[in-house]
Amino acid sequence: MRPSPPLPRTLDVAYLDPSGEGRDYVVSLRTVAAAKLKPGQYWTEDGPRTAAQIDCHTVT
């Protein structure tokens, strides 16, 4: 069954981090759907990461 309306090819994700800094990313839904994640991992633009790895990652 196809979604109605069709899903977009990309998704813009925007949020505020704990410091109040704004972040946003455009992600390809095809790339996210194709990711091979292990239990406890999340997709990131830098590849699969655990919550602890995401929390320790500093964006510059």
C-alpha atoms as a PDB file:
ATOM      1  CA  MET A   1       0.000   0.000   0.000  1.00  0.00           C
ATOM      2  CA  ARG A   2       1.422   3.383  -0.991  1.00  0.00           C
ATOM      3  CA  PRO A   3       1.206   6.314   1.411  1.00  0.00           C
ATOM      4  CA  SER A   4      -1.102   9.100   0.359  1.00  0.00           C
ATOM      5  CA  PRO A   5       0.230  11.654  -0.362  1.00  0.00           C
ATOM      6  CA  PRO A   6       3.620  10.189  -1.370  1.00  0.00           C
ATOM      7  CA  LEU A   7       6.520  10.658   1.031  1.00  0.00           C
ATOM      8  CA  PRO A   8       9.098  13.326   0.100  1.00  0.00           C
ATOM      9  CA  ARG A   9      12.581  12.228  -1.014  1.00  0.00           C
ATOM     10  CA  THR A  10      14.243  14.355   1.644  1.00  0.00           C
ATOM     11  CA  LEU A  11      13.294  15.542   5.087  1.00  0.00           C
ATOM     12  CA  ASP A  12      14.470  18.717   6.820  1.00  0.00           C
ATOM     13  CA  VAL A  13      15.027  18.109  10.531  1.00  0.00           C
ATOM     14  CA  ALA A  14      15.493  21.157  12.778  1.00  0.00           C
ATOM     15  CA  TYR A  15      15.874  21.355  16.555  1.00  0.00           C
ATOM     16  CA  LEU A  16      17.462  23.285  19.418  1.00  0.00           C
ATOM     17  CA  ASP A  17      20.237  21.554  21.330  1.00  0.00           C
ATOM     18  CA  PRO A  18      20.549  21.872  25.136  1.00  0.00           C
ATOM     19  CA  SER A  19      22.761  24.969  24.789  1.00  0.00           C
ATOM     20  CA  GLY A  20      20.006  26.720  22.817  1.00  0.00           C
ATOM     21  CA  GLU A  21      21.898  26.516  19.515  1.00  0.00           C
ATOM     22  CA  GLY A  22      19.784  25.731  16.471  1.00  0.00           C
ATOM     23  CA  ARG A  23      20.665  22.796  14.258  1.00  0.00           C
ATOM     24  CA  ASP A  24      19.120  21.540  11.066  1.00  0.00           C
ATOM     25  CA  TYR A  25      19.865  18.815   8.558  1.00  0.00           C
ATOM     26  CA  VAL A  26      18.389  17.670   5.282  1.00  0.00           C
ATOM     27  CA  VAL A  27      18.350  13.888   5.117  1.00  0.00           C
ATOM     28  CA  SER A  28      17.565  11.474   2.327  1.00  0.00           C
ATOM     29  CA  LEU A  29      14.790   9.122   3.420  1.00  0.00           C
ATOM     30  CA  ARG A  30      16.224   6.451   1.110  1.00  0.00           C
ATOM     31  CA  THR A  31      19.593   6.646   2.907  1.00  0.00           C
ATOM     32  CA  VAL A  32      17.946   6.441   6.323  1.00  0.00           C
ATOM     33  CA  ALA A  33      15.740   3.504   5.302  1.00  0.00           C
ATOM     34  CA  ALA A  34      18.763   1.604   3.915  1.00  0.00           C
ATOM     35  CA  ALA A  35      20.841   2.005   7.110  1.00  0.00           C
ATOM     36  CA  LYS A  36      21.763  -1.248   8.852  1.00  0.00           C
ATOM     37  CA  LEU A  37      21.206  -0.459  12.532  1.00  0.00           C
ATOM     38  CA  LYS A  38      21.876  -2.735  15.491  1.00  0.00           C
ATOM     39  CA  PRO A  39      19.605  -2.640  18.545  1.00  0.00           C
ATOM     40  CA  GLY A  40      20.258   0.583  20.466  1.00  0.00           C
ATOM     41  CA  GLN A  41      21.674   2.442  17.457  1.00  0.00           C
ATOM     42  CA  TYR A  42      20.261   5.495  15.736  1.00  0.00           C
ATOM     43  CA  TRP A  43      20.906   6.807  12.244  1.00  0.00           C
ATOM     44  CA  THR A  44      23.043   9.962  12.056  1.00  0.00           C
ATOM     45  CA  GLU A  45      24.666  11.739   9.134  1.00  0.00           C
ATOM     46  CA  ASP A  46      27.976  10.339  10.472  1.00  0.00           C
ATOM     47  CA  GLY A  47      26.687   6.757  10.426  1.00  0.00           C
ATOM     48  CA  PRO A  48      25.040   4.563  13.077  1.00  0.00           C
ATOM     49  CA  ARG A  49      25.609   5.706  16.675  1.00  0.00           C
ATOM     50  CA  THR A  50      24.358   4.822  20.125  1.00  0.00           C
ATOM     51  CA  ALA A  51      22.648   7.415  22.313  1.00  0.00           C
ATOM     52  CA  ALA A  52      25.861   7.744  24.383  1.00  0.00           C
ATOM     53  CA  GLN A  53      27.903   8.389  21.222  1.00  0.00           C
ATOM     54  CA  ILE A  54      25.415  11.001  20.055  1.00  0.00           C
ATOM     55  CA  ASP A  55      25.469  12.721  23.457  1.00  0.00           C
ATOM     56  CA  CYS A  56      29.305  12.876  23.414  1.00  0.00           C
ATOM     57  CA  HIS A  57      29.515  14.126  19.814  1.00  0.00           C
ATOM     58  CA  THR A  58      30.287  17.834  19.521  1.00  0.00           C
ATOM     59  CA  VAL A  59      29.263  19.650  16.359  1.00  0.00           C
ATOM     60  CA  THR A  60      31.641  22.445  15.353  1.00  0.00           C
END
